[in-house]
Amino acid sequence: MEKRIIECVPNFSEGRDKAVIEAIADTIRNSEGVRLLDVDPGEATNRTVVTFVGEPEAVVEAAFRAVRKASELIDMSKHHGAHPRMGATDVLPLIPVAGITLEECAELARGLGARIADELGIPVYAYEAAAFTPERKNLAVCRKGEYEGLPERLGKEACGADFGDRPFDEAIARTGATAVGARDFLIAVNYNLNTTSTRRANAIAFDVREKGRPKREGGKPNGKPLKDENGNVITIPGTLKGTKAIGWYIDEYGIAQVSMNITDISQTPLHTAFDEVARAAAARGIRVTGAEIVGLVPKRTLLEAGRHYLRLQQRSLGLPEEEIIRIAVRSMGLDQLAPFNPREKVVEYMLEDAQTPQKRLTDMTLRGFADETASESPAPGGGSIAAYMGTLAAALGTMVANLSAHKPGWDERWEEFSDAAVEGRRLVDTLRSLVDEDTDAFNAVMAAIQMPKGTDEEKAARAEAMEAATLYAAEVPLRTMRAAASSFGLLRRMAETGNPASVSDAGVGALAARAAVLGADLNVRINAAGLADTAKAAPLVAEATSLVAEAKREEEEILAIVNAKIG
């Protein structure tokens, strides 16, 4: 299951007092389960933009603590700055990164807004995707009149806050109001051009950006802008929805660029924008030579791009994640101006690297894994080995599919084998995760065994924990059996229709899959036998028995196909 990750980018109305800025940043930095990515103060604006990421519940809690700290340290009655603002915490957007929708972030934002109002007494406006009315999707509507306009707006039905609304008072005079919302991830990207002309870069930007360009008299670039009956300038829309763009010259690189913000990556993914800018540039005799990501991107953005370019090449999509991202980087020239390190540019990777390293079996070398298994420690044991045999089975099926996808003379079948490889890749990832989860399950049982058992309450708690851990220890190898059994379909297809030169690999895969199923079955049964509730044990054992019979039958039939082809 994909990990759920959101980003939060609160803007605090203090950009000059380093002690205040650091105190707010430390509140986030010391919150469990989040990573502080950036703190960007502005002296002229007297405003600091903070960026942090994590799982939704952890991010919401860290955001609340930061709002509370800002309300304690910032006095809005004394605030002056160049940027529009209405509160100590001025705006606070939640942004989906992975495993969560914009709508779910909007619900989280509303819950956070209600909590800020209830517990801190700060009026909150809900904006963007969290807005309750269409007008308030626009932040400028929520912030109309800024801090100075709050006395005229709060406590009034038409323009009061969504949460904690009341007439302006002494407490609000200090904290101001806050806008809490949800928006999609914004990607900032610059497209490198083989020209030094800012005018031509601007022309390309106007071709593609959603706003487009003004319609002019006679269609001439220097013609007078045309207006409608209401006096509004008539525009010719650009080709990319959810984008803003301009052209500029970068002295450091000696080239012009199209600088773009993609505000809706669901409508305009990064690769779509790149291809369209390249098309518009080519129409004007200019080439896009590469692109430069400013800030961070969600992993899915690069994976979608990599798969897009693999499809254009009619190559298999069933590749490891790292290889797909490498294809994306090279296809869009993201490393043209400077090295592009995904560990420093992808939100999910940065969050992973920030967490306390945990010793995982799947991060070991083959030798290290074997030595760890052979040591005096009871884990990893048979369950992890069964899961790893299943991983290798699915990997072999995926390999045959990938080899078949680009076999000379089979070009028309590339998509058939690519789909098979994608299925195999999913099984590889699932079974690989079960290698470590089986050891986690064993450790859960050991933790329950070590619980105190002196009082009646302690004995009851220990018994409950033992039952839950034992059930988990039986369910994990059963999931290994299901996933390993699923690989037989792929292996059979590869034995029957895949690259003939690799038919023996499909056969070895079938042998490994059978071993995985039968090995995991032993772990299901030994753990199910330890359950006090036999009603829970019976269906686990029954399903495992059925999967064992299926595995034996599938292995025999696939080997018959393989042996017939080998001769």
Protein backbone atom coordinates (compact mmCIF):
# COMPACT_ATOMS: atom_id res chain seq x y z
CA MET A 1 0.00 0.00 0.00
CA GLU A 2 1.35 3.43 -0.99
CA LYS A 3 2.42 5.54 1.95
CA ARG A 4 0.26 8.62 2.53
CA ILE A 5 2.29 11.83 2.45
CA ILE A 6 1.26 15.48 2.45
CA GLU A 7 3.18 18.74 2.31
CA CYS A 8 2.41 21.85 4.35
CA VAL A 9 3.62 25.34 3.40
CA PRO A 10 2.55 27.81 6.12
CA ASN A 11 3.43 31.49 5.77
CA PHE A 12 4.21 33.29 9.03
CA SER A 13 4.11 37.09 9.40
CA GLU A 14 7.68 37.46 10.62
CA GLY A 15 10.73 37.66 8.37
CA ARG A 16 13.18 39.75 10.41
CA ASP A 17 13.42 38.41 13.95
CA LYS A 18 15.60 35.30 13.63
CA ALA A 19 14.79 34.14 17.17
CA VAL A 20 11.05 34.07 16.43
CA ILE A 21 11.59 32.37 13.07
CA GLU A 22 13.82 29.69 14.63
CA ALA A 23 11.37 29.09 17.49
CA ILE A 24 8.56 28.39 15.02
CA ALA A 25 10.84 26.25 12.85
CA ASP A 26 12.01 24.28 15.91
CA THR A 27 8.40 23.55 16.84
CA ILE A 28 8.00 21.84 13.47
CA ARG A 29 11.49 20.33 13.48
CA ASN A 30 10.82 18.68 16.86
CA SER A 31 7.42 17.30 15.87
CA GLU A 32 7.43 13.54 15.44
CA GLY A 33 6.87 12.09 11.97
CA VAL A 34 7.59 15.18 9.84
CA ARG A 35 10.61 16.57 8.03
CA LEU A 36 11.29 20.28 7.79
CA LEU A 37 12.46 20.90 4.23
CA ASP A 38 12.88 24.66 3.98
CA VAL A 39 12.67 27.91 5.97
CA ASP A 40 12.66 30.97 3.69
CA PRO A 41 12.47 34.36 5.46
CA GLY A 42 11.95 37.66 3.61
CA GLU A 43 13.01 40.89 5.26
CA ALA A 44 11.12 43.27 2.96
CA THR A 45 7.93 41.21 3.10
CA ASN A 46 8.45 40.53 6.83
CA ARG A 47 7.23 37.03 6.12
CA THR A 48 8.67 33.50 6.33
CA VAL A 49 7.59 30.58 4.18
CA VAL A 50 8.14 27.17 5.78
CA THR A 51 7.89 23.82 4.00
CA PHE A 52 7.56 20.43 5.72
CA VAL A 53 6.24 16.99 4.84
CA GLY A 54 5.11 13.78 6.50
CA GLU A 55 2.14 11.51 6.99
CA PRO A 56 -1.16 13.40 7.25
CA GLU A 57 -1.81 13.07 10.98
CA ALA A 58 1.76 14.07 11.87
CA VAL A 59 1.72 17.07 9.51
CA VAL A 60 -1.61 18.33 10.86
CA GLU A 61 -0.34 18.08 14.44
CA ALA A 62 2.93 19.87 13.60
CA ALA A 63 0.98 22.59 11.76
CA PHE A 64 -1.25 23.16 14.76
CA ARG A 65 1.74 23.47 17.09
CA ALA A 66 3.42 25.93 14.72
CA VAL A 67 0.26 28.08 14.56
CA ARG A 68 0.11 28.07 18.35
CA LYS A 69 3.77 29.08 18.63
CA ALA A 70 3.32 31.87 16.07
CA SER A 71 0.30 33.20 17.97
CA GLU A 72 2.43 33.38 21.13
CA LEU A 73 5.39 35.17 19.52
CA ILE A 74 3.96 37.44 16.80
CA ASP A 75 1.92 40.54 17.57
CA MET A 76 0.02 41.54 14.44
CA SER A 77 -0.85 44.96 15.83
CA LYS A 78 2.82 45.86 15.35
CA HIS A 79 3.37 44.10 12.01
CA HIS A 80 4.38 45.88 8.80
CA GLY A 81 5.52 44.27 5.57
CA ALA A 82 5.26 44.44 1.79
CA HIS A 83 3.27 41.20 1.39
CA PRO A 84 -0.51 40.99 1.90
CA ARG A 85 -1.27 39.40 5.29
CA MET A 86 -4.00 39.10 7.90
CA GLY A 87 -2.59 36.91 10.66
CA ALA A 88 0.46 35.70 12.58
CA THR A 89 0.02 32.50 10.60
CA ASP A 90 -1.28 34.07 7.41
CA VAL A 91 -1.96 31.08 5.16
CA LEU A 92 -1.62 27.36 5.76
CA PRO A 93 -2.18 25.06 2.77
CA LEU A 94 -2.13 21.24 2.90
CA ILE A 95 -0.90 19.64 -0.32
CA PRO A 96 -1.27 15.99 -1.44
CA VAL A 97 2.02 14.32 -2.34
CA ALA A 98 1.35 10.57 -2.34
CA GLY A 99 -1.42 8.13 -1.42
CA ILE A 100 -3.99 10.84 -0.64
CA THR A 101 -6.41 12.95 -2.67
CA LEU A 102 -6.92 16.71 -2.77
CA GLU A 103 -10.43 16.15 -1.39
CA GLU A 104 -9.01 14.27 1.60
CA CYS A 105 -6.56 17.12 2.21
CA ALA A 106 -9.48 19.56 2.09
CA GLU A 107 -11.23 17.61 4.87
CA LEU A 108 -8.03 17.60 6.92
CA ALA A 109 -7.72 21.36 6.39
CA ARG A 110 -11.26 21.97 7.61
CA GLY A 111 -10.63 19.84 10.68
CA LEU A 112 -7.41 21.73 11.37
CA GLY A 113 -9.16 25.06 10.89
CA ALA A 114 -11.87 24.11 13.37
CA ARG A 115 -9.26 23.03 15.92
CA ILE A 116 -7.27 26.27 15.54
CA ALA A 117 -10.45 28.25 16.14
CA ASP A 118 -11.66 26.13 19.07
CA GLU A 119 -8.39 25.70 20.96
CA LEU A 120 -6.49 28.88 20.06
CA GLY A 121 -9.35 31.30 19.52
CA ILE A 122 -8.04 32.36 16.10
CA PRO A 123 -10.68 33.02 13.39
CA VAL A 124 -10.07 30.81 10.35
CA TYR A 125 -11.11 31.20 6.72
CA ALA A 126 -11.21 28.03 4.60
CA TYR A 127 -9.82 28.62 1.09
CA GLU A 128 -8.93 26.86 -2.18
CA ALA A 129 -10.16 23.23 -2.18
CA ALA A 130 -11.29 23.52 1.47
CA ALA A 131 -13.55 26.51 0.77
CA PHE A 132 -17.24 26.22 1.64
CA THR A 133 -18.28 28.69 -1.10
CA PRO A 134 -16.93 29.18 -4.64
CA GLU A 135 -15.84 32.77 -3.93
CA ARG A 136 -13.62 31.74 -1.04
CA LYS A 137 -11.58 29.40 -3.20
CA ASN A 138 -9.75 32.63 -4.04
CA LEU A 139 -7.35 33.53 -1.24
CA ALA A 140 -7.63 37.22 -2.12
CA VAL A 141 -11.35 37.11 -1.26
CA CYS A 142 -10.63 35.58 2.15
CA ARG A 143 -7.87 38.09 2.83
CA LYS A 144 -9.69 41.17 1.47
CA GLY A 145 -8.70 44.26 3.43
CA GLU A 146 -5.87 42.30 5.07
CA TYR A 147 -5.28 42.60 8.82
CA GLU A 148 -6.50 46.19 8.90
CA GLY A 149 -9.84 45.15 7.39
CA LEU A 150 -10.64 42.47 10.00
CA PRO A 151 -12.65 44.78 12.30
CA GLU A 152 -15.05 45.49 9.42
CA ARG A 153 -15.38 41.83 8.39
CA LEU A 154 -15.38 39.61 11.45
CA GLY A 155 -18.68 38.91 13.16
CA LYS A 156 -20.63 39.69 10.00
CA GLU A 157 -22.55 36.92 8.23
CA ALA A 158 -21.45 37.68 4.68
CA CYS A 159 -17.74 38.14 5.32
CA GLY A 160 -17.02 36.55 8.71
CA ALA A 161 -14.65 33.66 9.28
CA ASP A 162 -15.67 30.04 8.58
CA PHE A 163 -14.47 28.89 12.00
CA GLY A 164 -14.37 30.87 15.25
CA ASP A 165 -16.10 33.91 13.81
CA ARG A 166 -16.75 36.75 16.29
CA PRO A 167 -16.37 40.54 16.41
CA PHE A 168 -12.81 41.86 16.40
CA ASP A 169 -11.40 41.90 19.94
CA GLU A 170 -8.14 42.30 21.83
CA ALA A 171 -7.07 38.66 21.27
CA ILE A 172 -7.67 38.88 17.52
CA ALA A 173 -5.80 42.19 17.46
CA ARG A 174 -2.71 40.23 18.43
CA THR A 175 -3.12 37.02 16.37
CA GLY A 176 -5.15 38.25 13.41
CA ALA A 177 -6.95 35.61 11.35
CA THR A 178 -5.63 32.62 9.43
CA ALA A 179 -6.54 31.07 6.07
CA VAL A 180 -6.33 27.26 6.06
CA GLY A 181 -6.83 25.38 2.81
CA ALA A 182 -5.80 22.61 0.46
CA ARG A 183 -4.29 22.91 -2.99
CA ASP A 184 -2.55 20.70 -5.48
CA PHE A 185 1.23 20.42 -5.58
CA LEU A 186 2.83 23.30 -7.46
CA ILE A 187 5.77 22.44 -9.68
CA ALA A 188 8.18 25.22 -10.64
CA VAL A 189 10.15 24.37 -13.77
CA ASN A 190 12.32 26.31 -16.21
CA TYR A 191 12.73 25.13 -19.82
CA ASN A 192 16.17 25.81 -21.32
CA LEU A 193 16.19 27.25 -24.85
CA ASN A 194 18.94 27.39 -27.48
CA THR A 195 18.45 31.15 -27.76
CA THR A 196 19.33 34.27 -25.82
CA SER A 197 16.17 36.10 -26.88
CA THR A 198 13.85 36.99 -24.00
CA ARG A 199 11.23 38.17 -26.51
CA ARG A 200 11.11 34.78 -28.19
CA ALA A 201 11.07 32.99 -24.83
CA ASN A 202 8.11 35.15 -23.83
CA ALA A 203 6.34 34.36 -27.07
CA ILE A 204 6.65 30.63 -26.34
CA ALA A 205 5.44 31.21 -22.77
CA PHE A 206 2.37 33.06 -24.07
CA ASP A 207 1.70 30.22 -26.54
CA VAL A 208 1.41 27.64 -23.78
CA ARG A 209 0.35 29.30 -20.51
CA GLU A 210 -3.34 29.03 -19.63
CA LYS A 211 -3.84 32.81 -19.64
CA GLY A 212 -2.42 33.02 -23.15
CA ARG A 213 -1.89 36.45 -24.70
CA PRO A 214 -3.97 39.54 -25.49
CA LYS A 215 -5.81 39.49 -28.80
CA ARG A 216 -4.55 42.43 -30.87
CA GLU A 217 -5.83 44.46 -33.78
CA GLY A 218 -5.03 42.83 -37.10
CA GLY A 219 -3.35 39.95 -35.30
CA LYS A 220 -0.12 41.97 -35.21
CA PRO A 221 2.25 41.67 -32.23
CA ASN A 222 2.32 45.43 -31.82
CA GLY A 223 -1.38 45.90 -32.46
CA LYS A 224 -3.66 47.51 -29.91
CA PRO A 225 -5.18 44.99 -27.44
CA LEU A 226 -8.84 44.33 -28.23
CA LYS A 227 -11.48 44.66 -25.51
CA ASP A 228 -14.98 43.24 -25.06
CA GLU A 229 -18.14 45.25 -24.41
CA ASN A 230 -17.27 45.43 -20.69
CA GLY A 231 -13.84 46.89 -21.35
CA ASN A 232 -11.95 43.70 -20.52
CA VAL A 233 -8.96 42.72 -22.68
CA ILE A 234 -9.81 39.78 -24.93
CA THR A 235 -7.26 36.98 -24.65
CA ILE A 236 -6.22 34.07 -26.84
CA PRO A 237 -5.88 31.14 -24.38
CA GLY A 238 -2.70 29.11 -24.28
CA THR A 239 -2.57 25.34 -24.71
CA LEU A 240 -1.76 24.21 -21.17
CA LYS A 241 -4.39 24.31 -18.42
CA GLY A 242 -3.28 25.12 -14.88
CA THR A 243 -0.03 26.82 -15.88
CA LYS A 244 1.57 30.25 -15.56
CA ALA A 245 4.65 31.14 -17.57
CA ILE A 246 6.97 33.95 -18.64
CA GLY A 247 10.20 34.17 -20.62
CA TRP A 248 13.47 35.48 -19.21
CA TYR A 249 17.22 35.51 -19.75
CA ILE A 250 19.56 33.86 -17.24
CA ASP A 251 22.96 35.52 -17.27
CA GLU A 252 24.51 32.69 -15.23
CA TYR A 253 23.80 30.17 -18.00
CA GLY A 254 23.82 32.55 -20.98
CA ILE A 255 20.46 31.28 -22.22
CA ALA A 256 16.81 32.27 -22.28
CA GLN A 257 14.27 30.12 -20.46
CA VAL A 258 10.53 29.67 -20.27
CA SER A 259 9.81 29.81 -16.54
CA MET A 260 6.62 28.00 -15.57
CA ASN A 261 4.52 27.21 -12.52
CA ILE A 262 2.31 24.17 -13.01
CA THR A 263 -0.52 24.74 -10.55
CA ASP A 264 -2.63 21.71 -11.54
CA ILE A 265 -0.49 18.65 -12.22
CA SER A 266 -3.58 16.48 -12.65
CA GLN A 267 -4.55 18.51 -15.73
CA THR A 268 -1.02 19.19 -16.94
CA PRO A 269 1.61 16.66 -15.83
CA LEU A 270 5.25 17.70 -16.07
CA HIS A 271 5.96 15.61 -19.17
CA THR A 272 2.91 17.04 -20.97
CA ALA A 273 4.15 20.56 -20.26
CA PHE A 274 7.67 19.69 -21.42
CA ASP A 275 6.46 18.20 -24.70
CA GLU A 276 4.14 21.14 -25.39
CA VAL A 277 6.82 23.77 -24.68
CA ALA A 278 9.15 21.81 -26.98
CA ARG A 279 6.47 21.80 -29.70
CA ALA A 280 5.75 25.52 -29.35
CA ALA A 281 9.48 26.30 -29.38
CA ALA A 282 10.06 24.18 -32.49
CA ALA A 283 7.26 26.04 -34.27
CA ARG A 284 9.34 29.20 -33.74
CA GLY A 285 12.61 27.58 -34.84
CA ILE A 286 13.88 27.08 -31.28
CA ARG A 287 14.85 23.94 -29.40
CA VAL A 288 14.22 23.04 -25.77
CA THR A 289 17.57 21.61 -24.68
CA GLY A 290 16.58 20.62 -21.17
CA ALA A 291 14.64 21.64 -18.08
CA GLU A 292 15.41 22.73 -14.53
CA ILE A 293 13.22 21.73 -11.58
CA VAL A 294 13.06 24.47 -8.95
CA GLY A 295 12.36 23.01 -5.52
CA LEU A 296 10.88 19.55 -5.06
CA VAL A 297 8.55 17.23 -6.96
CA PRO A 298 6.37 14.29 -5.92
CA LYS A 299 7.75 10.93 -7.00
CA ARG A 300 4.68 10.20 -9.11
CA THR A 301 5.54 13.16 -11.35
CA LEU A 302 8.81 11.59 -12.49
CA LEU A 303 7.37 8.07 -12.66
CA GLU A 304 4.52 9.29 -14.90
CA ALA A 305 7.06 11.08 -17.10
CA GLY A 306 9.37 8.08 -17.33
CA ARG A 307 6.50 5.78 -18.30
CA HIS A 308 5.30 8.30 -20.88
CA TYR A 309 8.66 8.34 -22.66
CA LEU A 310 9.00 4.56 -22.42
CA ARG A 311 5.62 4.24 -24.15
CA LEU A 312 6.77 6.56 -26.91
CA GLN A 313 9.78 4.30 -27.39
CA GLN A 314 7.53 1.21 -27.25
CA ARG A 315 9.61 -0.11 -24.39
CA SER A 316 8.43 -2.13 -21.40
CA LEU A 317 7.19 -0.19 -18.39
CA GLY A 318 7.93 -3.04 -15.99
CA LEU A 319 11.23 -1.58 -14.83
CA PRO A 320 12.49 -0.72 -11.34
CA GLU A 321 11.40 2.65 -10.00
CA GLU A 322 14.94 4.04 -10.13
CA GLU A 323 15.31 3.18 -13.83
CA ILE A 324 11.97 4.79 -14.73
CA ILE A 325 13.03 7.99 -12.97
CA ARG A 326 16.38 7.90 -14.78
CA ILE A 327 14.50 7.75 -18.10
CA ALA A 328 12.45 10.80 -17.05
CA VAL A 329 15.57 12.77 -16.08
CA ARG A 330 17.34 12.03 -19.36
CA SER A 331 14.24 12.53 -21.54
CA MET A 332 13.59 16.03 -20.19
CA GLY A 333 17.24 16.96 -19.71
CA LEU A 334 16.74 17.66 -16.01
CA ASP A 335 20.50 17.26 -15.52
CA GLN A 336 21.58 19.62 -18.31
CA LEU A 337 22.54 22.59 -16.13
CA ALA A 338 23.41 20.75 -12.92
CA PRO A 339 23.43 17.17 -11.62
CA PHE A 340 19.93 15.94 -10.77
CA ASN A 341 19.90 13.77 -7.65
CA PRO A 342 16.43 12.28 -7.04
CA ARG A 343 17.29 11.80 -3.36
CA GLU A 344 17.50 15.60 -3.08
CA LYS A 345 14.62 16.54 -5.40
CA VAL A 346 11.85 14.01 -4.71
CA VAL A 347 9.68 14.67 -1.66
CA GLU A 348 9.20 11.02 -0.70
CA TYR A 349 12.92 10.24 -0.90
CA MET A 350 13.80 13.22 1.27
CA LEU A 351 11.30 12.08 3.88
CA GLU A 352 12.69 8.52 3.80
CA ASP A 353 16.27 9.74 4.20
CA ALA A 354 15.29 11.93 7.16
CA GLN A 355 13.90 9.05 9.16
CA THR A 356 16.03 7.04 11.57
CA PRO A 357 17.68 4.28 9.52
CA GLN A 358 16.20 0.89 10.30
CA LYS A 359 18.05 -2.29 9.51
CA ARG A 360 16.03 -3.93 6.73
CA LEU A 361 16.80 -7.31 5.24
CA THR A 362 16.02 -6.14 1.72
CA ASP A 363 18.70 -3.44 1.97
CA MET A 364 21.42 -6.04 2.59
CA THR A 365 23.74 -7.59 0.06
CA LEU A 366 23.00 -11.20 -0.90
CA ARG A 367 25.98 -12.28 1.20
CA GLY A 368 24.82 -10.19 4.14
CA PHE A 369 21.30 -11.61 3.95
CA ALA A 370 22.63 -15.16 3.86
CA ASP A 371 24.97 -14.51 6.80
CA GLU A 372 22.19 -12.86 8.81
CA THR A 373 19.95 -15.87 8.18
CA ALA A 374 22.73 -18.28 9.18
CA SER A 375 23.46 -16.45 12.45
CA GLU A 376 22.30 -17.43 15.94
CA SER A 377 19.34 -15.05 15.74
CA PRO A 378 15.96 -16.76 15.08
CA ALA A 379 15.02 -14.03 12.62
CA PRO A 380 15.05 -13.86 9.67
CA GLY A 381 13.70 -17.33 9.39
CA GLY A 382 11.67 -19.50 7.06
CA GLY A 383 8.92 -16.96 6.53
CA SER A 384 11.29 -14.29 5.24
CA ILE A 385 13.11 -16.83 3.08
CA ALA A 386 9.79 -18.01 1.61
CA ALA A 387 8.89 -14.40 0.78
CA TYR A 388 12.28 -13.88 -0.85
CA MET A 389 11.90 -17.02 -2.95
CA GLY A 390 8.56 -15.63 -4.08
CA THR A 391 10.27 -12.32 -4.89
CA LEU A 392 12.78 -14.14 -7.10
CA ALA A 393 10.00 -16.11 -8.79
CA ALA A 394 8.13 -12.93 -9.72
CA ALA A 395 11.42 -11.27 -10.73
CA LEU A 396 12.17 -14.09 -13.18
CA GLY A 397 8.72 -13.79 -14.75
CA THR A 398 9.23 -10.01 -15.03
CA MET A 399 12.63 -10.51 -16.63
CA VAL A 400 11.22 -12.81 -19.32
CA ALA A 401 8.44 -10.28 -20.02
CA ASN A 402 10.95 -7.43 -20.35
CA LEU A 403 13.20 -9.47 -22.65
CA SER A 404 10.20 -10.44 -24.76
CA ALA A 405 9.02 -6.81 -25.00
CA HIS A 406 12.07 -5.81 -27.02
CA LYS A 407 12.86 -9.07 -28.81
CA PRO A 408 13.75 -8.34 -32.46
CA GLY A 409 10.80 -9.08 -34.73
CA TRP A 410 8.24 -8.89 -31.91
CA ASP A 411 7.78 -5.11 -32.01
CA GLU A 412 4.02 -5.36 -32.42
CA ARG A 413 3.79 -7.31 -29.15
CA TRP A 414 5.74 -4.85 -26.96
CA GLU A 415 2.62 -3.64 -25.12
CA GLU A 416 1.44 -7.17 -24.35
CA PHE A 417 4.73 -7.98 -22.66
CA SER A 418 5.02 -4.55 -21.07
CA ASP A 419 1.67 -5.11 -19.32
CA ALA A 420 2.94 -8.49 -18.12
CA ALA A 421 6.15 -6.91 -16.82
CA VAL A 422 4.19 -4.23 -14.94
CA GLU A 423 2.14 -6.98 -13.29
CA GLY A 424 5.35 -8.81 -12.38
CA ARG A 425 6.92 -5.64 -11.00
CA ARG A 426 3.94 -5.18 -8.69
CA LEU A 427 4.35 -8.74 -7.40
CA VAL A 428 8.11 -8.25 -6.91
CA ASP A 429 7.50 -5.15 -4.80
CA THR A 430 4.75 -6.84 -2.77
CA LEU A 431 6.76 -9.97 -2.01
CA ARG A 432 9.93 -8.01 -1.27
CA SER A 433 8.08 -5.99 1.37
CA LEU A 434 6.88 -9.26 2.94
CA VAL A 435 10.50 -10.35 3.48
CA ASP A 436 10.86 -7.71 6.16
CA GLU A 437 7.26 -7.82 7.35
CA ASP A 438 7.59 -11.49 8.25
CA THR A 439 10.47 -10.61 10.56
CA ASP A 440 8.43 -7.69 11.94
CA ALA A 441 5.65 -10.15 12.76
CA PHE A 442 8.08 -12.45 14.59
CA ASN A 443 9.39 -9.48 16.58
CA ALA A 444 5.82 -8.54 17.53
CA VAL A 445 5.33 -12.01 19.03
CA MET A 446 8.59 -11.74 20.95
CA ALA A 447 7.57 -8.31 22.29
CA ALA A 448 4.28 -9.75 23.53
CA ILE A 449 6.07 -12.66 25.23
CA GLN A 450 8.25 -10.19 27.15
CA MET A 451 5.31 -8.20 28.51
CA PRO A 452 4.88 -8.26 32.31
CA LYS A 453 2.45 -10.87 33.71
CA GLY A 454 2.33 -10.21 37.44
CA THR A 455 -1.16 -8.78 38.03
CA ASP A 456 -4.42 -10.01 36.56
CA GLU A 457 -4.58 -6.88 34.40
CA GLU A 458 -1.06 -7.47 33.10
CA LYS A 459 -1.83 -11.11 32.37
CA ALA A 460 -4.96 -10.13 30.43
CA ALA A 461 -3.10 -7.46 28.47
CA ARG A 462 -0.29 -9.90 27.68
CA ALA A 463 -2.72 -12.58 26.53
CA GLU A 464 -4.51 -10.10 24.28
CA ALA A 465 -1.22 -8.87 22.79
CA MET A 466 -0.04 -12.46 22.24
CA GLU A 467 -3.23 -13.38 20.41
CA ALA A 468 -3.03 -10.31 18.17
CA ALA A 469 0.67 -10.84 17.42
CA THR A 470 0.19 -14.54 16.70
CA LEU A 471 -2.69 -13.81 14.35
CA TYR A 472 -0.50 -11.27 12.54
CA ALA A 473 2.34 -13.81 12.37
CA ALA A 474 -0.03 -16.26 10.63
CA GLU A 475 -1.56 -13.67 8.29
CA VAL A 476 1.74 -12.38 6.90
CA PRO A 477 2.92 -15.73 5.44
CA LEU A 478 -0.60 -16.28 4.11
CA ARG A 479 -0.21 -13.02 2.18
CA THR A 480 3.13 -14.35 0.93
CA MET A 481 1.34 -17.47 -0.31
CA ARG A 482 -1.29 -15.42 -2.15
CA ALA A 483 1.27 -13.19 -3.86
CA ALA A 484 3.58 -16.06 -4.78
CA ALA A 485 0.62 -18.03 -6.14
CA SER A 486 -0.33 -15.01 -8.25
CA SER A 487 3.04 -15.21 -10.00
CA PHE A 488 2.14 -18.57 -11.57
CA GLY A 489 -0.15 -16.88 -14.10
CA LEU A 490 2.67 -14.63 -15.27
CA LEU A 491 5.18 -17.49 -15.36
CA ARG A 492 2.80 -19.70 -17.34
CA ARG A 493 2.23 -16.97 -19.95
CA MET A 494 5.97 -16.38 -20.25
CA ALA A 495 6.63 -20.12 -20.64
CA GLU A 496 3.95 -20.40 -23.32
CA THR A 497 4.38 -17.15 -25.29
CA GLY A 498 7.52 -15.41 -24.06
CA ASN A 499 10.98 -15.29 -25.55
CA PRO A 500 11.84 -18.97 -26.27
CA ALA A 501 15.44 -18.39 -25.25
CA SER A 502 14.24 -17.59 -21.72
CA VAL A 503 11.80 -20.45 -21.22
CA SER A 504 14.12 -22.10 -18.66
CA ASP A 505 13.95 -18.91 -16.59
CA ALA A 506 10.18 -19.23 -16.43
CA GLY A 507 10.66 -22.81 -15.26
CA VAL A 508 13.03 -21.80 -12.47
CA GLY A 509 10.51 -19.14 -11.50
CA ALA A 510 7.80 -21.80 -11.17
CA LEU A 511 10.05 -23.88 -8.93
CA ALA A 512 10.80 -20.85 -6.75
CA ALA A 513 7.11 -19.90 -6.55
CA ARG A 514 6.17 -23.42 -5.45
CA ALA A 515 8.88 -23.34 -2.77
CA ALA A 516 7.61 -19.94 -1.60
CA VAL A 517 4.02 -21.17 -1.26
CA LEU A 518 4.92 -24.43 0.49
CA GLY A 519 7.46 -22.72 2.74
CA ALA A 520 5.05 -19.95 3.78
CA ASP A 521 2.38 -22.61 4.44
CA LEU A 522 4.56 -24.08 7.18
CA ASN A 523 4.64 -20.68 8.87
CA VAL A 524 0.90 -20.18 8.55
CA ARG A 525 0.21 -23.53 10.22
CA ILE A 526 2.75 -23.25 13.04
CA ASN A 527 1.46 -19.80 14.00
CA ALA A 528 -2.21 -20.64 13.54
CA ALA A 529 -1.71 -23.52 15.95
CA GLY A 530 -0.74 -20.99 18.61
CA LEU A 531 -4.05 -19.10 18.41
CA ALA A 532 -6.40 -19.51 21.34
CA ASP A 533 -9.37 -18.68 19.10
CA THR A 534 -9.65 -21.72 16.81
CA ALA A 535 -12.40 -19.96 14.83
CA LYS A 536 -9.74 -17.55 13.59
CA ALA A 537 -7.21 -20.29 12.87
CA ALA A 538 -9.44 -22.58 10.80
CA PRO A 539 -10.01 -20.30 7.75
CA LEU A 540 -6.31 -19.42 7.60
CA VAL A 541 -5.28 -23.06 7.47
CA ALA A 542 -8.03 -23.91 4.98
CA GLU A 543 -6.93 -21.19 2.55
CA ALA A 544 -3.28 -22.16 2.95
CA THR A 545 -4.09 -25.81 2.19
CA SER A 546 -5.93 -24.77 -0.98
CA LEU A 547 -3.02 -22.57 -2.11
CA VAL A 548 -0.54 -25.44 -1.59
CA ALA A 549 -2.59 -27.72 -3.84
CA GLU A 550 -2.82 -24.97 -6.46
CA ALA A 551 0.94 -24.34 -6.31
CA LYS A 552 1.81 -28.01 -6.83
CA ARG A 553 -0.54 -28.24 -9.80
CA GLU A 554 0.69 -24.99 -11.37
CA GLU A 555 4.36 -25.88 -10.99
CA GLU A 556 3.83 -29.30 -12.58
CA GLU A 557 1.94 -27.86 -15.57
CA ILE A 558 4.42 -25.03 -16.17
CA LEU A 559 7.39 -27.39 -15.98
CA ALA A 560 5.67 -29.65 -18.53
CA ILE A 561 5.47 -26.67 -20.92
CA VAL A 562 9.11 -25.76 -20.26
CA ASN A 563 10.41 -29.30 -20.69
CA ALA A 564 8.45 -29.75 -23.91
CA LYS A 565 10.10 -26.64 -25.36
CA ILE A 566 13.58 -27.50 -24.14
CA GLY A 567 13.33 -31.10 -25.40
